[in-house]
């Protein structure tokens, strides 16, 4: 276990790290996702649904799991990704609904 002084140093380091925009920017490749760059909301939804972890965190776990599955002579199979057309459809439907709502306001 680290000492409280070492722990405090690590907290100070982390406080500095989160000031760096390169460290805190959203790294998810799903830029069409409604929650892209809203990492706190994204993680909260993934915790709620408990289906899988956010795409940006998957490489970290995949590396660790690959080592573990190799050690127990198993294989890892990746899940099929959501097609980009689905994300585009969400954007199109959002736009359509907004336009319809604006018609009713006029």
PDB file of N, CA and C in Angstrom:
ATOM      1  N   UNK A   1       0.848  -1.183   0.000  1.00  0.00           N
ATOM      2  CA  UNK A   1       0.000   0.000   0.000  1.00  0.00           C
ATOM      3  C   UNK A   1       0.891   1.243   0.000  1.00  0.00           C
ATOM      4  N   UNK A   2       0.452   2.246  -0.730  1.00  0.00           N
ATOM      5  CA  UNK A   2       1.221   3.490  -0.782  1.00  0.00           C
ATOM      6  C   UNK A   2       0.965   4.312   0.477  1.00  0.00           C
ATOM      7  N   UNK A   3       1.907   5.169   0.795  1.00  0.00           N
ATOM      8  CA  UNK A   3       1.727   6.055   1.949  1.00  0.00           C
ATOM      9  C   UNK A   3       0.750   7.169   1.590  1.00  0.00           C
ATOM     10  N   UNK A   4       0.238   7.854   2.601  1.00  0.00           N
ATOM     11  CA  UNK A   4      -0.693   8.952   2.322  1.00  0.00           C
ATOM     12  C   UNK A   4       0.003  10.081   1.578  1.00  0.00           C
ATOM     13  N   UNK A   5       1.301  10.253   1.799  1.00  0.00           N
ATOM     14  CA  UNK A   5       2.056  11.277   1.073  1.00  0.00           C
ATOM     15  C   UNK A   5       2.165  10.911  -0.405  1.00  0.00           C
ATOM     16  N   UNK A   6       2.438   9.634  -0.690  1.00  0.00           N
ATOM     17  CA  UNK A   6       2.522   9.169  -2.084  1.00  0.00           C
ATOM     18  C   UNK A   6       1.151   9.282  -2.766  1.00  0.00           C
ATOM     19  N   UNK A   7       0.130   8.951  -2.006  1.00  0.00           N
ATOM     20  CA  UNK A   7      -1.222   9.064  -2.542  1.00  0.00           C
ATOM     21  C   UNK A   7      -1.536  10.517  -2.897  1.00  0.00           C
ATOM     22  N   UNK A   8      -1.171  11.421  -2.015  1.00  0.00           N
ATOM     23  CA  UNK A   8      -1.415  12.846  -2.258  1.00  0.00           C
ATOM     24  C   UNK A   8      -0.671  13.307  -3.508  1.00  0.00           C
ATOM     25  N   UNK A   9       0.556  12.859  -3.684  1.00  0.00           N
ATOM     26  CA  UNK A   9       1.322  13.216  -4.884  1.00  0.00           C
ATOM     27  C   UNK A   9       0.614  12.725  -6.146  1.00  0.00           C
ATOM     28  N   UNK A  10       0.059  11.526  -6.072  1.00  0.00           N
ATOM     29  CA  UNK A  10      -0.639  10.999  -7.252  1.00  0.00           C
ATOM     30  C   UNK A  10      -1.910  11.802  -7.541  1.00  0.00           C
ATOM     31  N   UNK A  11      -2.592  12.248  -6.490  1.00  0.00           N
ATOM     32  CA  UNK A  11      -3.779  13.088  -6.681  1.00  0.00           C
ATOM     33  C   UNK A  11      -3.384  14.400  -7.344  1.00  0.00           C
ATOM     34  N   UNK A  12      -2.301  15.004  -6.896  1.00  0.00           N
ATOM     35  CA  UNK A  12      -1.828  16.252  -7.507  1.00  0.00           C
ATOM     36  C   UNK A  12      -1.478  16.038  -8.977  1.00  0.00           C
ATOM     37  N   UNK A  13      -0.815  14.933  -9.272  1.00  0.00           N
ATOM     38  CA  UNK A  13      -0.462  14.632 -10.658  1.00  0.00           C
ATOM     39  C   UNK A  13      -1.724  14.477 -11.508  1.00  0.00           C
ATOM     40  N   UNK A  14      -2.729  13.764 -10.987  1.00  0.00           N
ATOM     41  CA  UNK A  14      -3.970  13.565 -11.731  1.00  0.00           C
ATOM     42  C   UNK A  14      -4.703  14.879 -11.952  1.00  0.00           C
ATOM     43  N   UNK A  15      -4.657  15.763 -10.987  1.00  0.00           N
ATOM     44  CA  UNK A  15      -5.285  17.077 -11.156  1.00  0.00           C
ATOM     45  C   UNK A  15      -4.634  17.850 -12.295  1.00  0.00           C
ATOM     46  N   UNK A  16      -3.330  17.712 -12.430  1.00  0.00           N
ATOM     47  CA  UNK A  16      -2.630  18.370 -13.538  1.00  0.00           C
ATOM     48  C   UNK A  16      -2.966  17.695 -14.865  1.00  0.00           C
ATOM     49  N   UNK A  17      -3.023  16.376 -14.867  1.00  0.00           N
ATOM     50  CA  UNK A  17      -3.307  15.641 -16.097  1.00  0.00           C
ATOM     51  C   UNK A  17      -4.666  16.008 -16.675  1.00  0.00           C
ATOM     52  N   UNK A  18      -5.681  16.157 -15.836  1.00  0.00           N
ATOM     53  CA  UNK A  18      -7.014  16.447 -16.361  1.00  0.00           C
ATOM     54  C   UNK A  18      -7.142  17.859 -16.913  1.00  0.00           C
ATOM     55  N   UNK A  19      -6.147  18.684 -16.691  1.00  0.00           N
ATOM     56  CA  UNK A  19      -6.144  20.024 -17.299  1.00  0.00           C
ATOM     57  C   UNK A  19      -5.709  19.972 -18.758  1.00  0.00           C
ATOM     58  N   UNK A  20      -5.081  18.870 -19.152  1.00  0.00           N
ATOM     59  CA  UNK A  20      -4.579  18.699 -20.513  1.00  0.00           C
ATOM     60  C   UNK A  20      -5.715  18.229 -21.422  1.00  0.00           C
ATOM     61  N   UNK A  21      -6.098  19.050 -22.382  1.00  0.00           N
ATOM     62  CA  UNK A  21      -7.203  18.733 -23.289  1.00  0.00           C
ATOM     63  C   UNK A  21      -6.932  17.488 -24.136  1.00  0.00           C
ATOM     64  N   UNK A  22      -5.663  17.175 -24.385  1.00  0.00           N
ATOM     65  CA  UNK A  22      -5.339  15.967 -25.147  1.00  0.00           C
ATOM     66  C   UNK A  22      -5.656  14.711 -24.353  1.00  0.00           C
ATOM     67  N   UNK A  23      -5.619  14.810 -23.057  1.00  0.00           N
ATOM     68  CA  UNK A  23      -5.915  13.656 -22.207  1.00  0.00           C
ATOM     69  C   UNK A  23      -7.416  13.516 -21.988  1.00  0.00           C
ATOM     70  N   UNK A  24      -8.117  14.632 -21.889  1.00  0.00           N
ATOM     71  CA  UNK A  24      -9.541  14.577 -21.560  1.00  0.00           C
ATOM     72  C   UNK A  24     -10.466  14.579 -22.767  1.00  0.00           C
ATOM     73  N   UNK A  25      -9.927  14.738 -23.970  1.00  0.00           N
ATOM     74  CA  UNK A  25     -10.817  14.744 -25.142  1.00  0.00           C
ATOM     75  C   UNK A  25     -11.386  13.344 -25.386  1.00  0.00           C
ATOM     76  N   UNK A  26     -12.557  13.315 -25.965  1.00  0.00           N
ATOM     77  CA  UNK A  26     -13.236  12.055 -26.253  1.00  0.00           C
ATOM     78  C   UNK A  26     -12.489  11.323 -27.375  1.00  0.00           C
ATOM     79  N   UNK A  27     -12.146  10.079 -27.127  1.00  0.00           N
ATOM     80  CA  UNK A  27     -11.398   9.299 -28.109  1.00  0.00           C
ATOM     81  C   UNK A  27     -12.275   8.279 -28.837  1.00  0.00           C
ATOM     82  N   UNK A  28     -13.553   8.310 -28.569  1.00  0.00           N
ATOM     83  CA  UNK A  28     -14.447   7.345 -29.192  1.00  0.00           C
ATOM     84  C   UNK A  28     -14.519   7.591 -30.698  1.00  0.00           C
ATOM     85  N   UNK A  29     -14.378   6.526 -31.500  1.00  0.00           N
ATOM     86  CA  UNK A  29     -14.462   6.696 -32.948  1.00  0.00           C
ATOM     87  C   UNK A  29     -15.898   6.891 -33.445  1.00  0.00           C
ATOM     88  N   UNK A  30     -16.890   6.661 -32.591  1.00  0.00           N
ATOM     89  CA  UNK A  30     -18.291   6.807 -32.991  1.00  0.00           C
ATOM     90  C   UNK A  30     -18.712   8.271 -32.886  1.00  0.00           C
ATOM     91  N   UNK A  31     -18.196   9.098 -33.804  1.00  0.00           N
ATOM     92  CA  UNK A  31     -18.441  10.535 -33.728  1.00  0.00           C
ATOM     93  C   UNK A  31     -19.893  10.912 -34.002  1.00  0.00           C
ATOM     94  N   UNK A  32     -20.669  10.023 -34.584  1.00  0.00           N
ATOM     95  CA  UNK A  32     -22.083  10.301 -34.823  1.00  0.00           C
ATOM     96  C   UNK A  32     -22.961   9.957 -33.618  1.00  0.00           C
ATOM     97  N   UNK A  33     -22.369   9.369 -32.602  1.00  0.00           N
ATOM     98  CA  UNK A  33     -23.117   9.004 -31.399  1.00  0.00           C
ATOM     99  C   UNK A  33     -23.612  10.271 -30.700  1.00  0.00           C
ATOM    100  N   UNK A  34     -24.833  10.224 -30.201  1.00  0.00           N
ATOM    101  CA  UNK A  34     -25.396  11.367 -29.482  1.00  0.00           C
ATOM    102  C   UNK A  34     -24.570  11.753 -28.259  1.00  0.00           C
ATOM    103  N   UNK A  35     -23.814  10.821 -27.735  1.00  0.00           N
ATOM    104  CA  UNK A  35     -23.076  11.068 -26.495  1.00  0.00           C
ATOM    105  C   UNK A  35     -21.580  11.253 -26.710  1.00  0.00           C
ATOM    106  N   UNK A  36     -21.179  11.416 -27.994  1.00  0.00           N
ATOM    107  CA  UNK A  36     -19.765  11.656 -28.279  1.00  0.00           C
ATOM    108  C   UNK A  36     -19.343  12.963 -27.617  1.00  0.00           C
ATOM    109  N   UNK A  37     -18.235  12.936 -26.928  1.00  0.00           N
ATOM    110  CA  UNK A  37     -17.687  14.082 -26.186  1.00  0.00           C
ATOM    111  C   UNK A  37     -18.509  14.432 -24.946  1.00  0.00           C
ATOM    112  N   UNK A  38     -19.443  13.586 -24.594  1.00  0.00           N
ATOM    113  CA  UNK A  38     -20.198  13.727 -23.346  1.00  0.00           C
ATOM    114  C   UNK A  38     -19.907  12.472 -22.518  1.00  0.00           C
ATOM    115  N   UNK A  39     -18.630  12.298 -22.202  1.00  0.00           N
ATOM    116  CA  UNK A  39     -18.155  11.042 -21.634  1.00  0.00           C
ATOM    117  C   UNK A  39     -18.844  10.669 -20.324  1.00  0.00           C
ATOM    118  N   UNK A  40     -19.158  11.662 -19.502  1.00  0.00           N
ATOM    119  CA  UNK A  40     -19.818  11.333 -18.234  1.00  0.00           C
ATOM    120  C   UNK A  40     -21.206  10.737 -18.488  1.00  0.00           C
ATOM    121  N   UNK A  41     -21.935  11.281 -19.461  1.00  0.00           N
ATOM    122  CA  UNK A  41     -23.245  10.739 -19.793  1.00  0.00           C
ATOM    123  C   UNK A  41     -23.113   9.359 -20.434  1.00  0.00           C
ATOM    124  N   UNK A  42     -22.137   9.213 -21.312  1.00  0.00           N
ATOM    125  CA  UNK A  42     -21.896   7.943 -21.997  1.00  0.00           C
ATOM    126  C   UNK A  42     -21.599   6.829 -20.983  1.00  0.00           C
ATOM    127  N   UNK A  43     -20.677   7.083 -20.093  1.00  0.00           N
ATOM    128  CA  UNK A  43     -20.304   6.074 -19.090  1.00  0.00           C
ATOM    129  C   UNK A  43     -21.500   5.767 -18.191  1.00  0.00           C
ATOM    130  N   UNK A  44     -22.266   6.796 -17.811  1.00  0.00           N
ATOM    131  CA  UNK A  44     -23.432   6.575 -16.956  1.00  0.00           C
ATOM    132  C   UNK A  44     -24.441   5.653 -17.638  1.00  0.00           C
ATOM    133  N   UNK A  45     -24.667   5.855 -18.940  1.00  0.00           N
ATOM    134  CA  UNK A  45     -25.604   4.997 -19.668  1.00  0.00           C
ATOM    135  C   UNK A  45     -25.083   3.572 -19.792  1.00  0.00           C
ATOM    136  N   UNK A  46     -23.794   3.430 -20.032  1.00  0.00           N
ATOM    137  CA  UNK A  46     -23.213   2.084 -20.111  1.00  0.00           C
ATOM    138  C   UNK A  46     -23.310   1.372 -18.765  1.00  0.00           C
ATOM    139  N   UNK A  47     -23.119   2.105 -17.680  1.00  0.00           N
ATOM    140  CA  UNK A  47     -23.282   1.500 -16.352  1.00  0.00           C
ATOM    141  C   UNK A  47     -24.732   1.092 -16.136  1.00  0.00           C
ATOM    142  N   UNK A  48     -25.659   1.925 -16.557  1.00  0.00           N
ATOM    143  CA  UNK A  48     -27.077   1.645 -16.365  1.00  0.00           C
ATOM    144  C   UNK A  48     -27.502   0.373 -17.113  1.00  0.00           C
ATOM    145  N   UNK A  49     -27.141   0.298 -18.402  1.00  0.00           N
ATOM    146  CA  UNK A  49     -27.583  -0.831 -19.220  1.00  0.00           C
ATOM    147  C   UNK A  49     -26.758  -2.094 -19.006  1.00  0.00           C
ATOM    148  N   UNK A  50     -25.525  -1.952 -18.592  1.00  0.00           N
ATOM    149  CA  UNK A  50     -24.636  -3.094 -18.293  1.00  0.00           C
ATOM    150  C   UNK A  50     -24.522  -4.083 -19.452  1.00  0.00           C
ATOM    151  N   UNK A  51     -24.610  -3.574 -20.693  1.00  0.00           N
ATOM    152  CA  UNK A  51     -24.499  -4.453 -21.853  1.00  0.00           C
ATOM    153  C   UNK A  51     -23.054  -4.591 -22.303  1.00  0.00           C
ATOM    154  N   UNK A  52     -22.348  -3.497 -22.347  1.00  0.00           N
ATOM    155  CA  UNK A  52     -20.933  -3.506 -22.706  1.00  0.00           C
ATOM    156  C   UNK A  52     -20.316  -2.203 -22.217  1.00  0.00           C
ATOM    157  N   UNK A  53     -19.009  -2.113 -22.349  1.00  0.00           N
ATOM    158  CA  UNK A  53     -18.338  -0.892 -21.905  1.00  0.00           C
ATOM    159  C   UNK A  53     -18.183   0.065 -23.091  1.00  0.00           C
ATOM    160  N   UNK A  54     -17.981   1.340 -22.831  1.00  0.00           N
ATOM    161  CA  UNK A  54     -17.824   2.294 -23.933  1.00  0.00           C
ATOM    162  C   UNK A  54     -16.692   1.879 -24.880  1.00  0.00           C
ATOM    163  N   UNK A  55     -16.875   2.192 -26.142  1.00  0.00           N
ATOM    164  CA  UNK A  55     -15.908   1.809 -27.184  1.00  0.00           C
ATOM    165  C   UNK A  55     -14.504   2.330 -26.852  1.00  0.00           C
ATOM    166  N   UNK A  56     -14.415   3.518 -26.284  1.00  0.00           N
ATOM    167  CA  UNK A  56     -13.102   4.103 -25.998  1.00  0.00           C
ATOM    168  C   UNK A  56     -12.330   3.315 -24.945  1.00  0.00           C
ATOM    169  N   UNK A  57     -13.031   2.568 -24.094  1.00  0.00           N
ATOM    170  CA  UNK A  57     -12.359   1.787 -23.044  1.00  0.00           C
ATOM    171  C   UNK A  57     -12.097   0.344 -23.454  1.00  0.00           C
ATOM    172  N   UNK A  58     -12.696  -0.094 -24.545  1.00  0.00           N
ATOM    173  CA  UNK A  58     -12.565  -1.487 -24.951  1.00  0.00           C
ATOM    174  C   UNK A  58     -11.137  -1.926 -25.267  1.00  0.00           C
ATOM    175  N   UNK A  59     -10.310  -1.099 -25.932  1.00  0.00           N
ATOM    176  CA  UNK A  59      -8.943  -1.558 -26.203  1.00  0.00           C
ATOM    177  C   UNK A  59      -8.153  -1.906 -24.933  1.00  0.00           C
ATOM    178  N   UNK A  60      -8.380  -1.180 -23.865  1.00  0.00           N
ATOM    179  CA  UNK A  60      -7.683  -1.455 -22.607  1.00  0.00           C
ATOM    180  C   UNK A  60      -8.048  -2.849 -22.103  1.00  0.00           C
ATOM    181  N   UNK A  61      -9.344  -3.132 -22.079  1.00  0.00           N
ATOM    182  CA  UNK A  61      -9.793  -4.442 -21.599  1.00  0.00           C
ATOM    183  C   UNK A  61      -9.453  -5.565 -22.571  1.00  0.00           C
ATOM    184  N   UNK A  62      -9.557  -5.274 -23.869  1.00  0.00           N
ATOM    185  CA  UNK A  62      -9.244  -6.318 -24.853  1.00  0.00           C
ATOM    186  C   UNK A  62      -7.820  -6.820 -24.696  1.00  0.00           C
ATOM    187  N   UNK A  63      -6.876  -5.906 -24.487  1.00  0.00           N
ATOM    188  CA  UNK A  63      -5.480  -6.323 -24.306  1.00  0.00           C
ATOM    189  C   UNK A  63      -5.337  -7.223 -23.084  1.00  0.00           C
ATOM    190  N   UNK A  64      -5.972  -6.846 -21.998  1.00  0.00           N
ATOM    191  CA  UNK A  64      -5.875  -7.640 -20.770  1.00  0.00           C
ATOM    192  C   UNK A  64      -6.591  -8.981 -20.918  1.00  0.00           C
ATOM    193  N   UNK A  65      -7.764  -8.957 -21.548  1.00  0.00           N
ATOM    194  CA  UNK A  65      -8.520 -10.197 -21.734  1.00  0.00           C
ATOM    195  C   UNK A  65      -7.839 -11.138 -22.720  1.00  0.00           C
ATOM    196  N   UNK A  66      -7.193 -10.570 -23.736  1.00  0.00           N
ATOM    197  CA  UNK A  66      -6.484 -11.407 -24.711  1.00  0.00           C
ATOM    198  C   UNK A  66      -5.394 -12.221 -24.002  1.00  0.00           C
ATOM    199  N   UNK A  67      -4.672 -11.568 -23.106  1.00  0.00           N
ATOM    200  CA  UNK A  67      -3.645 -12.270 -22.338  1.00  0.00           C
ATOM    201  C   UNK A  67      -4.273 -13.346 -21.454  1.00  0.00           C
ATOM    202  N   UNK A  68      -5.370 -13.016 -20.807  1.00  0.00           N
ATOM    203  CA  UNK A  68      -6.038 -13.962 -19.914  1.00  0.00           C
ATOM    204  C   UNK A  68      -6.625 -15.138 -20.682  1.00  0.00           C
ATOM    205  N   UNK A  69      -7.323 -14.878 -21.794  1.00  0.00           N
ATOM    206  CA  UNK A  69      -7.918 -15.971 -22.559  1.00  0.00           C
ATOM    207  C   UNK A  69      -6.840 -16.871 -23.163  1.00  0.00           C
ATOM    208  N   UNK A  70      -5.722 -16.279 -23.531  1.00  0.00           N
ATOM    209  CA  UNK A  70      -4.614 -17.099 -24.029  1.00  0.00           C
ATOM    210  C   UNK A  70      -4.070 -18.017 -22.953  1.00  0.00           C
ATOM    211  N   UNK A  71      -4.019 -17.518 -21.729  1.00  0.00           N
ATOM    212  CA  UNK A  71      -3.492 -18.313 -20.616  1.00  0.00           C
ATOM    213  C   UNK A  71      -4.400 -19.501 -20.297  1.00  0.00           C
ATOM    214  N   UNK A  72      -5.705 -19.362 -20.560  1.00  0.00           N
ATOM    215  CA  UNK A  72      -6.611 -20.474 -20.270  1.00  0.00           C
ATOM    216  C   UNK A  72      -7.066 -21.171 -21.554  1.00  0.00           C
ATOM    217  N   UNK A  73      -6.316 -20.935 -22.627  1.00  0.00           N
ATOM    218  CA  UNK A  73      -6.531 -21.595 -23.909  1.00  0.00           C
ATOM    219  C   UNK A  73      -7.958 -21.417 -24.440  1.00  0.00           C
ATOM    220  N   UNK A  74      -8.401 -20.165 -24.409  1.00  0.00           N
ATOM    221  CA  UNK A  74      -9.697 -19.814 -24.973  1.00  0.00           C
ATOM    222  C   UNK A  74      -9.472 -18.788 -26.078  1.00  0.00           C
ATOM    223  N   UNK A  75     -10.524 -18.498 -26.838  1.00  0.00           N
ATOM    224  CA  UNK A  75     -10.445 -17.490 -27.872  1.00  0.00           C
ATOM    225  C   UNK A  75     -11.415 -16.359 -27.566  1.00  0.00           C
ATOM    226  N   UNK A  76     -11.054 -15.159 -28.011  1.00  0.00           N
ATOM    227  CA  UNK A  76     -11.934 -14.002 -27.885  1.00  0.00           C
ATOM    228  C   UNK A  76     -12.556 -13.713 -29.238  1.00  0.00           C
ATOM    229  N   UNK A  77     -13.840 -13.439 -29.249  1.00  0.00           N
ATOM    230  CA  UNK A  77     -14.533 -13.085 -30.482  1.00  0.00           C
ATOM    231  C   UNK A  77     -15.191 -11.722 -30.263  1.00  0.00           C
ATOM    232  N   UNK A  78     -14.920 -10.792 -31.169  1.00  0.00           N
ATOM    233  CA  UNK A  78     -15.498  -9.455 -31.063  1.00  0.00           C
ATOM    234  C   UNK A  78     -16.945  -9.449 -31.512  1.00  0.00           C
ATOM    235  N   UNK A  79     -17.749  -8.651 -30.846  1.00  0.00           N
ATOM    236  CA  UNK A  79     -19.160  -8.460 -31.193  1.00  0.00           C
ATOM    237  C   UNK A  79     -19.248  -7.600 -32.447  1.00  0.00           C
ATOM    238  N   UNK A  80     -20.274  -7.818 -33.245  1.00  0.00           N
ATOM    239  CA  UNK A  80     -20.493  -7.006 -34.444  1.00  0.00           C
ATOM    240  C   UNK A  80     -20.801  -5.565 -34.031  1.00  0.00           C
ATOM    241  N   UNK A  81     -20.189  -4.618 -34.701  1.00  0.00           N
ATOM    242  CA  UNK A  81     -20.377  -3.194 -34.395  1.00  0.00           C
ATOM    243  C   UNK A  81     -21.697  -2.693 -34.963  1.00  0.00           C
ATOM    244  N   UNK A  82     -22.233  -1.654 -34.343  1.00  0.00           N
ATOM    245  CA  UNK A  82     -23.446  -1.011 -34.855  1.00  0.00           C
ATOM    246  C   UNK A  82     -23.107  -0.362 -36.194  1.00  0.00           C
ATOM    247  N   UNK A  83     -23.871  -0.663 -37.230  1.00  0.00           N
ATOM    248  CA  UNK A  83     -23.582  -0.073 -38.544  1.00  0.00           C
ATOM    249  C   UNK A  83     -23.688   1.454 -38.518  1.00  0.00           C
ATOM    250  N   UNK A  84     -22.821   2.103 -39.251  1.00  0.00           N
ATOM    251  CA  UNK A  84     -22.811   3.565 -39.326  1.00  0.00           C
ATOM    252  C   UNK A  84     -24.154   4.084 -39.856  1.00  0.00           C
ATOM    253  N   UNK A  85     -24.809   3.291 -40.696  1.00  0.00           N
ATOM    254  CA  UNK A  85     -26.106   3.699 -41.239  1.00  0.00           C
ATOM    255  C   UNK A  85     -27.127   3.901 -40.128  1.00  0.00           C
ATOM    256  N   UNK A  86     -27.022   3.137 -39.055  1.00  0.00           N
ATOM    257  CA  UNK A  86     -27.951   3.278 -37.930  1.00  0.00           C
ATOM    258  C   UNK A  86     -27.751   4.631 -37.257  1.00  0.00           C
ATOM    259  N   UNK A  87     -26.501   5.019 -37.089  1.00  0.00           N
ATOM    260  CA  UNK A  87     -26.222   6.310 -36.450  1.00  0.00           C
ATOM    261  C   UNK A  87     -26.681   7.464 -37.355  1.00  0.00           C
ATOM    262  N   UNK A  88     -26.484   7.306 -38.667  1.00  0.00           N
ATOM    263  CA  UNK A  88     -26.955   8.324 -39.608  1.00  0.00           C
ATOM    264  C   UNK A  88     -28.482   8.411 -39.591  1.00  0.00           C
ATOM    265  N   UNK A  89     -29.130   7.267 -39.457  1.00  0.00           N
ATOM    266  CA  UNK A  89     -30.594   7.236 -39.396  1.00  0.00           C
ATOM    267  C   UNK A  89     -31.100   8.008 -38.176  1.00  0.00           C
ATOM    268  N   UNK A  90     -30.442   7.862 -37.045  1.00  0.00           N
ATOM    269  CA  UNK A  90     -30.822   8.608 -35.836  1.00  0.00           C
ATOM    270  C   UNK A  90     -30.761  10.107 -36.109  1.00  0.00           C
ATOM    271  N   UNK A  91     -29.675  10.556 -36.748  1.00  0.00           N
ATOM    272  CA  UNK A  91     -29.533  11.980 -37.068  1.00  0.00           C
ATOM    273  C   UNK A  91     -30.638  12.444 -38.023  1.00  0.00           C
ATOM    274  N   UNK A  92     -30.938  11.627 -39.028  1.00  0.00           N
ATOM    275  CA  UNK A  92     -31.986  11.970 -39.988  1.00  0.00           C
ATOM    276  C   UNK A  92     -33.349  12.064 -39.302  1.00  0.00           C
ATOM    277  N   UNK A  93     -33.641  11.115 -38.442  1.00  0.00           N
ATOM    278  CA  UNK A  93     -34.928  11.113 -37.739  1.00  0.00           C
ATOM    279  C   UNK A  93     -35.030  12.300 -36.784  1.00  0.00           C
ATOM    280  N   UNK A  94     -33.950  12.612 -36.103  1.00  0.00           N
ATOM    281  CA  UNK A  94     -33.947  13.786 -35.218  1.00  0.00           C
ATOM    282  C   UNK A  94     -34.260  15.054 -36.011  1.00  0.00           C
ATOM    283  N   UNK A  95     -33.627  15.172 -37.180  1.00  0.00           N
ATOM    284  CA  UNK A  95     -33.852  16.340 -38.037  1.00  0.00           C
ATOM    285  C   UNK A  95     -35.295  16.384 -38.514  1.00  0.00           C
ATOM    286  N   UNK A  96     -35.814  15.240 -38.954  1.00  0.00           N
ATOM    287  CA  UNK A  96     -37.189  15.158 -39.436  1.00  0.00           C
ATOM    288  C   UNK A  96     -38.179  15.560 -38.339  1.00  0.00           C
ATOM    289  N   UNK A  97     -37.998  15.023 -37.153  1.00  0.00           N
ATOM    290  CA  UNK A  97     -38.902  15.317 -36.039  1.00  0.00           C
ATOM    291  C   UNK A  97     -38.834  16.790 -35.667  1.00  0.00           C
ATOM    292  N   UNK A  98     -37.650  17.352 -35.671  1.00  0.00           N
ATOM    293  CA  UNK A  98     -37.503  18.770 -35.356  1.00  0.00           C
ATOM    294  C   UNK A  98     -38.227  19.627 -36.391  1.00  0.00           C
ATOM    295  N   UNK A  99     -38.086  19.268 -37.668  1.00  0.00           N
ATOM    296  CA  UNK A  99     -38.773  20.009 -38.733  1.00  0.00           C
ATOM    297  C   UNK A  99     -40.286  19.912 -38.573  1.00  0.00           C
ATOM    298  N   UNK A 100     -40.776  18.725 -38.219  1.00  0.00           N
ATOM    299  CA  UNK A 100     -42.214  18.537 -38.018  1.00  0.00           C
ATOM    300  C   UNK A 100     -42.702  19.362 -36.829  1.00  0.00           C
ATOM    301  N   UNK A 101     -41.945  19.391 -35.783  1.00  0.00           N
ATOM    302  CA  UNK A 101     -42.312  20.192 -34.608  1.00  0.00           C
ATOM    303  C   UNK A 101     -42.353  21.669 -34.960  1.00  0.00           C
ATOM    304  N   UNK A 102     -41.394  22.128 -35.773  1.00  0.00           N
ATOM    305  CA  UNK A 102     -41.371  23.537 -36.188  1.00  0.00           C
ATOM    306  C   UNK A 102     -42.566  23.895 -37.059  1.00  0.00           C
ATOM    307  N   UNK A 103     -43.055  22.952 -37.880  1.00  0.00           N
ATOM    308  CA  UNK A 103     -44.233  23.195 -38.711  1.00  0.00           C
ATOM    309  C   UNK A 103     -45.455  23.464 -37.839  1.00  0.00           C
ATOM    310  N   UNK A 104     -45.557  22.704 -36.744  1.00  0.00           N
ATOM    311  CA  UNK A 104     -46.711  22.835 -35.858  1.00  0.00           C
ATOM    312  C   UNK A 104     -46.656  24.145 -35.068  1.00  0.00           C
ATOM    313  N   UNK A 105     -45.471  24.667 -34.876  1.00  0.00           N
ATOM    314  CA  UNK A 105     -45.315  25.912 -34.123  1.00  0.00           C
ATOM    315  C   UNK A 105     -45.717  27.129 -34.952  1.00  0.00           C
ATOM    316  N   UNK A 106     -45.648  26.986 -36.278  1.00  0.00           N
ATOM    317  CA  UNK A 106     -45.944  28.109 -37.183  1.00  0.00           C
ATOM    318  C   UNK A 106     -47.411  28.383 -37.317  1.00  0.00           C
TER     319      UNK A 106
END
